[in-house]
């Protein structure tokens, strides 16, 4: 497993690098080689956010790309939480592959095996105010989220701005 650790607003010390390698190394036993893992460590500069130590990982497997993001008041705790979340994702991915393999091996119909549908655990409603994409980016920074949904003042369409891994911003517009 190849691990790349990057820091944003934080210096990645050798101790943190080794800690991340040891924790995320557990995933290597469960995933097929070669696997690439990219870990980005960030300290949010917003003083109103208590959980300002953020660990965000992307894991490239032979199948899907797994992503997780966790935040806490301590970087090592964030890495621990992130590793736990990724282990759950890997376990779910492996179970789905095993069920898929069993289904094909037994020539069972797809309706014979119950599928676990993803559950929506929270619904949120809000008013969409017309904004320019630049104003939406400012709002994104103010709320401290990874994305921001808004009504484009120019087109009247629903748009999304999001924070990219490279530090820039993206805009999603309907076709």
Protein backbone atom coordinates (compact mmCIF):
# COMPACT_ATOMS: atom_id res chain seq x y z
CA UNK A 1 0.00 0.00 0.00
CA UNK A 2 1.34 3.40 -0.99
CA UNK A 3 0.45 6.13 1.49
CA UNK A 4 0.81 9.82 0.72
CA UNK A 5 0.29 12.21 3.63
CA UNK A 6 -0.29 15.89 2.87
CA UNK A 7 -0.79 18.79 5.23
CA UNK A 8 -2.93 21.88 4.76
CA UNK A 9 -2.41 24.60 7.38
CA UNK A 10 -0.38 22.04 9.31
CA UNK A 11 3.13 20.62 9.11
CA UNK A 12 3.15 16.84 8.84
CA UNK A 13 5.71 15.71 11.38
CA UNK A 14 7.50 12.39 11.17
CA UNK A 15 5.61 11.21 14.26
CA UNK A 16 2.23 11.94 12.65
CA UNK A 17 3.41 10.31 9.39
CA UNK A 18 4.41 7.13 11.24
CA UNK A 19 1.19 7.14 13.27
CA UNK A 20 -0.88 7.43 10.08
CA UNK A 21 1.15 4.66 8.40
CA UNK A 22 0.64 2.36 11.38
CA UNK A 23 -3.12 3.04 11.63
CA UNK A 24 -3.91 2.99 7.91
CA UNK A 25 -1.60 0.00 7.44
CA UNK A 26 -4.40 -2.10 8.94
CA UNK A 27 -6.35 -1.52 5.74
CA UNK A 28 -3.58 -3.10 3.65
CA UNK A 29 -4.38 -6.52 5.10
CA UNK A 30 -7.99 -6.22 3.96
CA UNK A 31 -7.43 -4.71 0.51
CA UNK A 32 -5.87 -6.18 -2.61
CA UNK A 33 -2.54 -4.73 -3.75
CA UNK A 34 -1.66 -2.36 -5.23
CA UNK A 35 -3.67 0.18 -3.27
CA UNK A 36 -2.99 3.88 -3.09
CA UNK A 37 -4.06 5.92 -0.08
CA UNK A 38 -3.97 9.70 0.04
CA UNK A 39 -4.37 11.30 3.48
CA UNK A 40 -4.84 15.04 3.85
CA UNK A 41 -4.51 16.54 7.31
CA UNK A 42 -5.96 20.00 7.89
CA UNK A 43 -6.38 22.39 10.77
CA UNK A 44 -9.45 24.56 10.26
CA UNK A 45 -8.69 28.17 11.14
CA UNK A 46 -12.26 29.01 12.12
CA UNK A 47 -12.23 29.59 15.92
CA UNK A 48 -15.90 28.64 16.25
CA UNK A 49 -15.16 25.06 15.14
CA UNK A 50 -14.06 22.97 18.14
CA UNK A 51 -13.27 19.87 16.05
CA UNK A 52 -10.73 21.70 13.91
CA UNK A 53 -8.24 18.86 13.28
CA UNK A 54 -9.49 17.20 10.10
CA UNK A 55 -8.27 13.97 8.52
CA UNK A 56 -9.54 13.20 5.03
CA UNK A 57 -8.57 10.07 3.09
CA UNK A 58 -9.09 8.69 -0.38
CA UNK A 59 -8.39 4.99 -0.97
CA UNK A 60 -8.07 3.67 -4.50
CA UNK A 61 -8.92 -0.03 -4.74
CA UNK A 62 -9.39 -2.36 -7.67
CA UNK A 63 -13.10 -1.68 -7.22
CA UNK A 64 -14.57 1.55 -5.89
CA UNK A 65 -12.74 4.57 -4.56
CA UNK A 66 -13.35 4.90 -0.83
CA UNK A 67 -13.45 8.32 0.83
CA UNK A 68 -13.80 9.36 4.44
CA UNK A 69 -13.50 12.56 6.46
CA UNK A 70 -13.34 12.90 10.23
CA UNK A 71 -12.68 15.82 12.55
CA UNK A 72 -11.91 16.15 16.24
CA UNK A 73 -9.92 18.38 18.57
CA UNK A 74 -6.80 16.19 18.19
CA UNK A 75 -5.11 15.05 14.96
CA UNK A 76 -4.38 11.52 16.21
CA UNK A 77 -8.00 11.12 17.32
CA UNK A 78 -9.13 12.29 13.87
CA UNK A 79 -6.86 9.68 12.25
CA UNK A 80 -8.30 7.01 14.57
CA UNK A 81 -11.88 7.95 13.72
CA UNK A 82 -11.01 8.06 10.02
CA UNK A 83 -9.40 4.61 10.15
CA UNK A 84 -12.48 3.17 11.89
CA UNK A 85 -14.76 4.64 9.23
CA UNK A 86 -12.59 3.32 6.40
CA UNK A 87 -12.47 -0.15 7.98
CA UNK A 88 -16.28 -0.20 8.05
CA UNK A 89 -16.37 0.84 4.38
CA UNK A 90 -13.85 -1.86 3.43
CA UNK A 91 -15.83 -4.47 5.35
CA UNK A 92 -19.06 -3.43 3.58
CA UNK A 93 -17.28 -3.45 0.20
CA UNK A 94 -15.87 -6.94 0.81
CA UNK A 95 -19.27 -8.26 1.92
CA UNK A 96 -20.92 -6.89 -1.22
CA UNK A 97 -18.24 -8.51 -3.38
CA UNK A 98 -18.66 -11.83 -1.55
CA UNK A 99 -22.47 -11.72 -1.98
CA UNK A 100 -22.06 -10.80 -5.64
CA UNK A 101 -19.66 -13.71 -6.14
CA UNK A 102 -21.99 -16.14 -4.34
CA UNK A 103 -24.95 -14.96 -6.39
CA UNK A 104 -23.09 -15.58 -9.65
CA UNK A 105 -21.75 -18.91 -8.42
CA UNK A 106 -25.22 -20.16 -7.46
CA UNK A 107 -26.90 -18.64 -10.53
CA UNK A 108 -29.50 -17.17 -8.22
CA UNK A 109 -31.75 -14.44 -9.51
CA UNK A 110 -31.02 -10.91 -8.27
CA UNK A 111 -34.40 -10.80 -6.51
CA UNK A 112 -33.49 -13.87 -4.45
CA UNK A 113 -30.94 -11.99 -2.34
CA UNK A 114 -32.11 -9.02 -0.32
CA UNK A 115 -30.15 -5.85 -0.99
CA UNK A 116 -29.46 -3.37 1.78
CA UNK A 117 -30.66 -0.02 0.51
CA UNK A 118 -28.85 3.07 1.76
CA UNK A 119 -30.90 4.84 4.41
CA UNK A 120 -31.45 8.58 4.58
CA UNK A 121 -30.89 9.47 8.22
CA UNK A 122 -31.43 13.23 8.05
CA UNK A 123 -33.45 15.61 5.91
CA UNK A 124 -32.69 19.30 5.81
CA UNK A 125 -34.68 22.11 4.22
CA UNK A 126 -33.49 25.64 3.60
CA UNK A 127 -34.27 28.69 1.52
CA UNK A 128 -32.20 29.18 -1.62
CA UNK A 129 -31.26 32.82 -2.04
CA UNK A 130 -29.97 34.05 -5.41
CA UNK A 131 -26.17 34.43 -5.27
CA UNK A 132 -23.29 34.71 -7.67
CA UNK A 133 -20.86 31.77 -7.61
CA UNK A 134 -18.26 34.04 -5.97
CA UNK A 135 -20.69 34.96 -3.17
CA UNK A 136 -21.55 31.28 -2.76
CA UNK A 137 -17.84 30.50 -2.22
CA UNK A 138 -17.76 33.15 0.52
CA UNK A 139 -20.82 31.55 2.14
CA UNK A 140 -19.14 28.14 1.84
CA UNK A 141 -16.16 29.46 3.78
CA UNK A 142 -18.40 31.07 6.41
CA UNK A 143 -20.34 27.89 7.16
CA UNK A 144 -17.20 25.71 7.06
CA UNK A 145 -18.77 22.95 4.94
CA UNK A 146 -17.36 21.12 1.93
CA UNK A 147 -20.14 22.25 -0.41
CA UNK A 148 -22.80 24.92 -0.66
CA UNK A 149 -26.10 24.73 -2.58
CA UNK A 150 -27.47 28.01 -3.98
CA UNK A 151 -29.63 29.53 -6.70
CA UNK A 152 -27.43 31.18 -9.34
CA UNK A 153 -28.41 34.85 -9.58
CA UNK A 154 -27.43 34.95 -13.27
CA UNK A 155 -29.17 31.82 -14.57
CA UNK A 156 -31.79 31.15 -11.87
CA UNK A 157 -30.69 27.48 -11.77
CA UNK A 158 -29.72 25.48 -8.68
CA UNK A 159 -25.90 25.23 -8.46
CA UNK A 160 -23.38 23.75 -6.05
CA UNK A 161 -19.94 25.09 -5.18
CA UNK A 162 -17.51 22.73 -3.47
CA UNK A 163 -14.01 22.71 -2.04
CA UNK A 164 -11.59 20.68 -4.14
CA UNK A 165 -8.76 18.59 -2.72
CA UNK A 166 -6.21 20.89 -4.41
CA UNK A 167 -7.53 23.86 -2.41
CA UNK A 168 -9.52 25.39 -5.26
CA UNK A 169 -13.27 25.46 -5.74
CA UNK A 170 -15.58 23.70 -8.17
CA UNK A 171 -18.97 24.71 -9.54
CA UNK A 172 -21.67 22.20 -10.50
CA UNK A 173 -24.29 23.48 -12.92
CA UNK A 174 -27.19 21.54 -14.45
CA UNK A 175 -26.86 20.72 -18.14
